[in-house]
Amino acid sequence: MMNQLLLGSAIPFAVALLIYLLRRCRASLPTLVITPLAMLLGALWAVIPDLPRIVGKNDLYLRWSKDPRMNLFFWHYSIDLTESDSPWYAAGIAVLLALLLAAAWQQLSRMEREAQWPT
């Protein structure tokens, strides 16, 4: 499940990274707010087929786990066929969040340097 969370959050992160790079490493406040929200929504979208198992609906979960149409949720079915557990998936999510925080910190630092403080 962690690999699906990583993939689900990495897709919006990649879009935001592309925007960030196209804007010459500048991030607007809306970008810094929308990106983590989009990452959360992407991660939730990626694990929708696992939600029945979490709430105790194992029959529905088993039916969905054998349905190739679950690839709609960021290739959930295909990932489940080859899935392996690894602590690297959690580390990957931590890296994405650290990079997002670094971009926010860099933007705040830039804004403070460019601000005209009254004297």
C-alpha atoms as a PDB file:
ATOM      1  CA  MET A   1       0.000   0.000   0.000  1.00  0.00           C
ATOM      2  CA  MET A   2       2.909   2.361   0.653  1.00  0.00           C
ATOM      3  CA  ASN A   3       4.019   2.194  -2.955  1.00  0.00           C
ATOM      4  CA  GLN A   4       0.552   3.289  -4.048  1.00  0.00           C
ATOM      5  CA  LEU A   5       0.653   6.181  -1.595  1.00  0.00           C
ATOM      6  CA  LEU A   6       4.042   7.193  -2.982  1.00  0.00           C
ATOM      7  CA  LEU A   7       2.866   7.003  -6.586  1.00  0.00           C
ATOM      8  CA  GLY A   8      -0.380   8.824  -5.813  1.00  0.00           C
ATOM      9  CA  SER A   9       1.449  11.689  -4.147  1.00  0.00           C
ATOM     10  CA  ALA A  10       4.335  11.748  -6.627  1.00  0.00           C
ATOM     11  CA  ILE A  11       2.128  12.535  -9.634  1.00  0.00           C
ATOM     12  CA  PRO A  12       0.854  15.916  -8.326  1.00  0.00           C
ATOM     13  CA  PHE A  13       4.331  16.598  -6.937  1.00  0.00           C
ATOM     14  CA  ALA A  14       5.842  16.073 -10.398  1.00  0.00           C
ATOM     15  CA  VAL A  15       3.333  18.498 -11.932  1.00  0.00           C
ATOM     16  CA  ALA A  16       4.132  21.094  -9.262  1.00  0.00           C
ATOM     17  CA  LEU A  17       7.875  20.520  -9.757  1.00  0.00           C
ATOM     18  CA  LEU A  18       7.499  21.156 -13.484  1.00  0.00           C
ATOM     19  CA  ILE A  19       5.614  24.400 -12.782  1.00  0.00           C
ATOM     20  CA  TYR A  20       8.254  25.370 -10.207  1.00  0.00           C
ATOM     21  CA  LEU A  21      11.078  24.810 -12.686  1.00  0.00           C
ATOM     22  CA  LEU A  22       9.260  26.651 -15.494  1.00  0.00           C
ATOM     23  CA  ARG A  23       8.831  29.620 -13.157  1.00  0.00           C
ATOM     24  CA  ARG A  24      12.616  29.723 -12.531  1.00  0.00           C
ATOM     25  CA  CYS A  25      12.439  28.057  -9.105  1.00  0.00           C
ATOM     26  CA  ARG A  26       9.766  30.371  -7.770  1.00  0.00           C
ATOM     27  CA  ALA A  27       6.681  29.099  -5.982  1.00  0.00           C
ATOM     28  CA  SER A  28       3.564  31.150  -5.422  1.00  0.00           C
ATOM     29  CA  LEU A  29       1.548  30.862  -2.236  1.00  0.00           C
ATOM     30  CA  PRO A  30      -1.303  29.066  -4.054  1.00  0.00           C
ATOM     31  CA  THR A  31       1.206  26.541  -5.411  1.00  0.00           C
ATOM     32  CA  LEU A  32       2.603  25.938  -1.940  1.00  0.00           C
ATOM     33  CA  VAL A  33      -0.904  25.378  -0.565  1.00  0.00           C
ATOM     34  CA  ILE A  34      -2.421  23.426  -3.446  1.00  0.00           C
ATOM     35  CA  THR A  35       0.520  21.053  -3.949  1.00  0.00           C
ATOM     36  CA  PRO A  36       0.346  19.246  -0.582  1.00  0.00           C
ATOM     37  CA  LEU A  37      -3.453  19.107  -0.851  1.00  0.00           C
ATOM     38  CA  ALA A  38      -3.186  17.615  -4.334  1.00  0.00           C
ATOM     39  CA  MET A  39      -0.582  15.155  -3.056  1.00  0.00           C
ATOM     40  CA  LEU A  40      -2.959  14.081  -0.290  1.00  0.00           C
ATOM     41  CA  LEU A  41      -5.848  13.692  -2.732  1.00  0.00           C
ATOM     42  CA  GLY A  42      -3.628  11.741  -5.122  1.00  0.00           C
ATOM     43  CA  ALA A  43      -2.519   9.408  -2.337  1.00  0.00           C
ATOM     44  CA  LEU A  44      -6.128   8.877  -1.242  1.00  0.00           C
ATOM     45  CA  TRP A  45      -7.215   8.237  -4.836  1.00  0.00           C
ATOM     46  CA  ALA A  46      -4.480   5.624  -5.210  1.00  0.00           C
ATOM     47  CA  VAL A  47      -5.655   3.602  -2.194  1.00  0.00           C
ATOM     48  CA  ILE A  48      -9.423   3.713  -2.738  1.00  0.00           C
ATOM     49  CA  PRO A  49      -9.465  -0.009  -3.644  1.00  0.00           C
ATOM     50  CA  ASP A  50      -7.904  -0.786  -0.236  1.00  0.00           C
ATOM     51  CA  LEU A  51     -10.472   1.161   1.778  1.00  0.00           C
ATOM     52  CA  PRO A  52     -13.040  -1.685   2.031  1.00  0.00           C
ATOM     53  CA  ARG A  53     -10.425  -3.813   3.802  1.00  0.00           C
ATOM     54  CA  ILE A  54      -9.769  -1.038   6.315  1.00  0.00           C
ATOM     55  CA  VAL A  55     -13.464  -0.795   7.248  1.00  0.00           C
ATOM     56  CA  GLY A  56     -13.926  -4.574   7.443  1.00  0.00           C
ATOM     57  CA  LYS A  57     -15.584  -5.216   4.045  1.00  0.00           C
ATOM     58  CA  ASN A  58     -13.194  -8.002   3.052  1.00  0.00           C
ATOM     59  CA  ASP A  59     -15.544  -9.500   0.435  1.00  0.00           C
ATOM     60  CA  LEU A  60     -15.678  -6.201  -1.476  1.00  0.00           C
ATOM     61  CA  TYR A  61     -11.922  -5.765  -1.100  1.00  0.00           C
ATOM     62  CA  LEU A  62     -11.258  -9.259  -2.509  1.00  0.00           C
ATOM     63  CA  ARG A  63     -13.592  -8.608  -5.441  1.00  0.00           C
ATOM     64  CA  TRP A  64     -11.893  -5.294  -6.213  1.00  0.00           C
ATOM     65  CA  SER A  65      -8.414  -6.782  -5.833  1.00  0.00           C
ATOM     66  CA  LYS A  66      -9.128  -9.145  -8.748  1.00  0.00           C
ATOM     67  CA  ASP A  67     -10.642  -6.491 -11.003  1.00  0.00           C
ATOM     68  CA  PRO A  68      -8.296  -4.958 -13.630  1.00  0.00           C
ATOM     69  CA  ARG A  69     -10.556  -1.892 -13.767  1.00  0.00           C
ATOM     70  CA  MET A  70      -8.976  -0.850 -10.458  1.00  0.00           C
ATOM     71  CA  ASN A  71      -6.054   0.416 -12.569  1.00  0.00           C
ATOM     72  CA  LEU A  72      -8.157   3.579 -12.776  1.00  0.00           C
ATOM     73  CA  PHE A  73      -6.791   4.336  -9.305  1.00  0.00           C
ATOM     74  CA  PHE A  74      -3.208   5.014 -10.448  1.00  0.00           C
ATOM     75  CA  TRP A  75      -2.551   1.461 -11.654  1.00  0.00           C
ATOM     76  CA  HIS A  76      -3.624  -0.072  -8.328  1.00  0.00           C
ATOM     77  CA  TYR A  77      -4.397  -3.508  -9.756  1.00  0.00           C
ATOM     78  CA  SER A  78      -1.111  -3.766 -11.667  1.00  0.00           C
ATOM     79  CA  ILE A  79       0.894  -2.618  -8.683  1.00  0.00           C
ATOM     80  CA  ASP A  80      -0.808  -5.190  -6.449  1.00  0.00           C
ATOM     81  CA  LEU A  81       0.283  -7.948  -8.841  1.00  0.00           C
ATOM     82  CA  THR A  82       3.963  -7.114  -8.348  1.00  0.00           C
ATOM     83  CA  GLU A  83       3.868  -5.375  -4.976  1.00  0.00           C
ATOM     84  CA  SER A  84       6.615  -5.828  -2.420  1.00  0.00           C
ATOM     85  CA  ASP A  85       7.040  -4.271   1.006  1.00  0.00           C
ATOM     86  CA  SER A  86       9.945  -1.929   1.481  1.00  0.00           C
ATOM     87  CA  PRO A  87      10.770   0.884   3.882  1.00  0.00           C
ATOM     88  CA  TRP A  88      11.972   2.872   0.858  1.00  0.00           C
ATOM     89  CA  TYR A  89       8.381   3.791  -0.032  1.00  0.00           C
ATOM     90  CA  ALA A  90       7.923   5.639   3.269  1.00  0.00           C
ATOM     91  CA  ALA A  91      11.333   7.228   2.763  1.00  0.00           C
ATOM     92  CA  GLY A  92      10.231   8.350  -0.705  1.00  0.00           C
ATOM     93  CA  ILE A  93       7.152  10.066   0.727  1.00  0.00           C
ATOM     94  CA  ALA A  94       9.354  11.751   3.340  1.00  0.00           C
ATOM     95  CA  VAL A  95      11.693  12.986   0.583  1.00  0.00           C
ATOM     96  CA  LEU A  96       8.771  14.464  -1.381  1.00  0.00           C
ATOM     97  CA  LEU A  97       7.542  16.291   1.703  1.00  0.00           C
ATOM     98  CA  ALA A  98      11.064  17.497   2.548  1.00  0.00           C
ATOM     99  CA  LEU A  99      11.500  18.853  -0.993  1.00  0.00           C
ATOM    100  CA  LEU A 100       8.158  20.629  -0.749  1.00  0.00           C
ATOM    101  CA  LEU A 101       9.174  22.159   2.577  1.00  0.00           C
ATOM    102  CA  ALA A 102      12.537  23.192   1.108  1.00  0.00           C
ATOM    103  CA  ALA A 103      10.786  24.964  -1.775  1.00  0.00           C
ATOM    104  CA  ALA A 104       8.521  26.800   0.674  1.00  0.00           C
ATOM    105  CA  TRP A 105      11.491  27.762   2.833  1.00  0.00           C
ATOM    106  CA  GLN A 106      13.445  28.968  -0.188  1.00  0.00           C
ATOM    107  CA  GLN A 107      10.486  31.061  -1.359  1.00  0.00           C
ATOM    108  CA  LEU A 108      10.025  32.594   2.097  1.00  0.00           C
ATOM    109  CA  SER A 109      13.735  33.424   2.236  1.00  0.00           C
ATOM    110  CA  ARG A 110      13.569  35.025  -1.207  1.00  0.00           C
ATOM    111  CA  MET A 111      10.526  37.104  -0.236  1.00  0.00           C
ATOM    112  CA  GLU A 112      12.246  38.327   2.921  1.00  0.00           C
ATOM    113  CA  ARG A 113      15.370  39.350   0.978  1.00  0.00           C
ATOM    114  CA  GLU A 114      13.321  41.208  -1.625  1.00  0.00           C
ATOM    115  CA  ALA A 115      11.019  42.941   0.862  1.00  0.00           C
ATOM    116  CA  GLN A 116      11.421  46.637   1.477  1.00  0.00           C
ATOM    117  CA  TRP A 117      11.408  46.963   5.241  1.00  0.00           C
ATOM    118  CA  PRO A 118      10.391  50.388   6.596  1.00  0.00           C
ATOM    119  CA  THR A 119      13.172  52.151   8.486  1.00  0.00           C
END
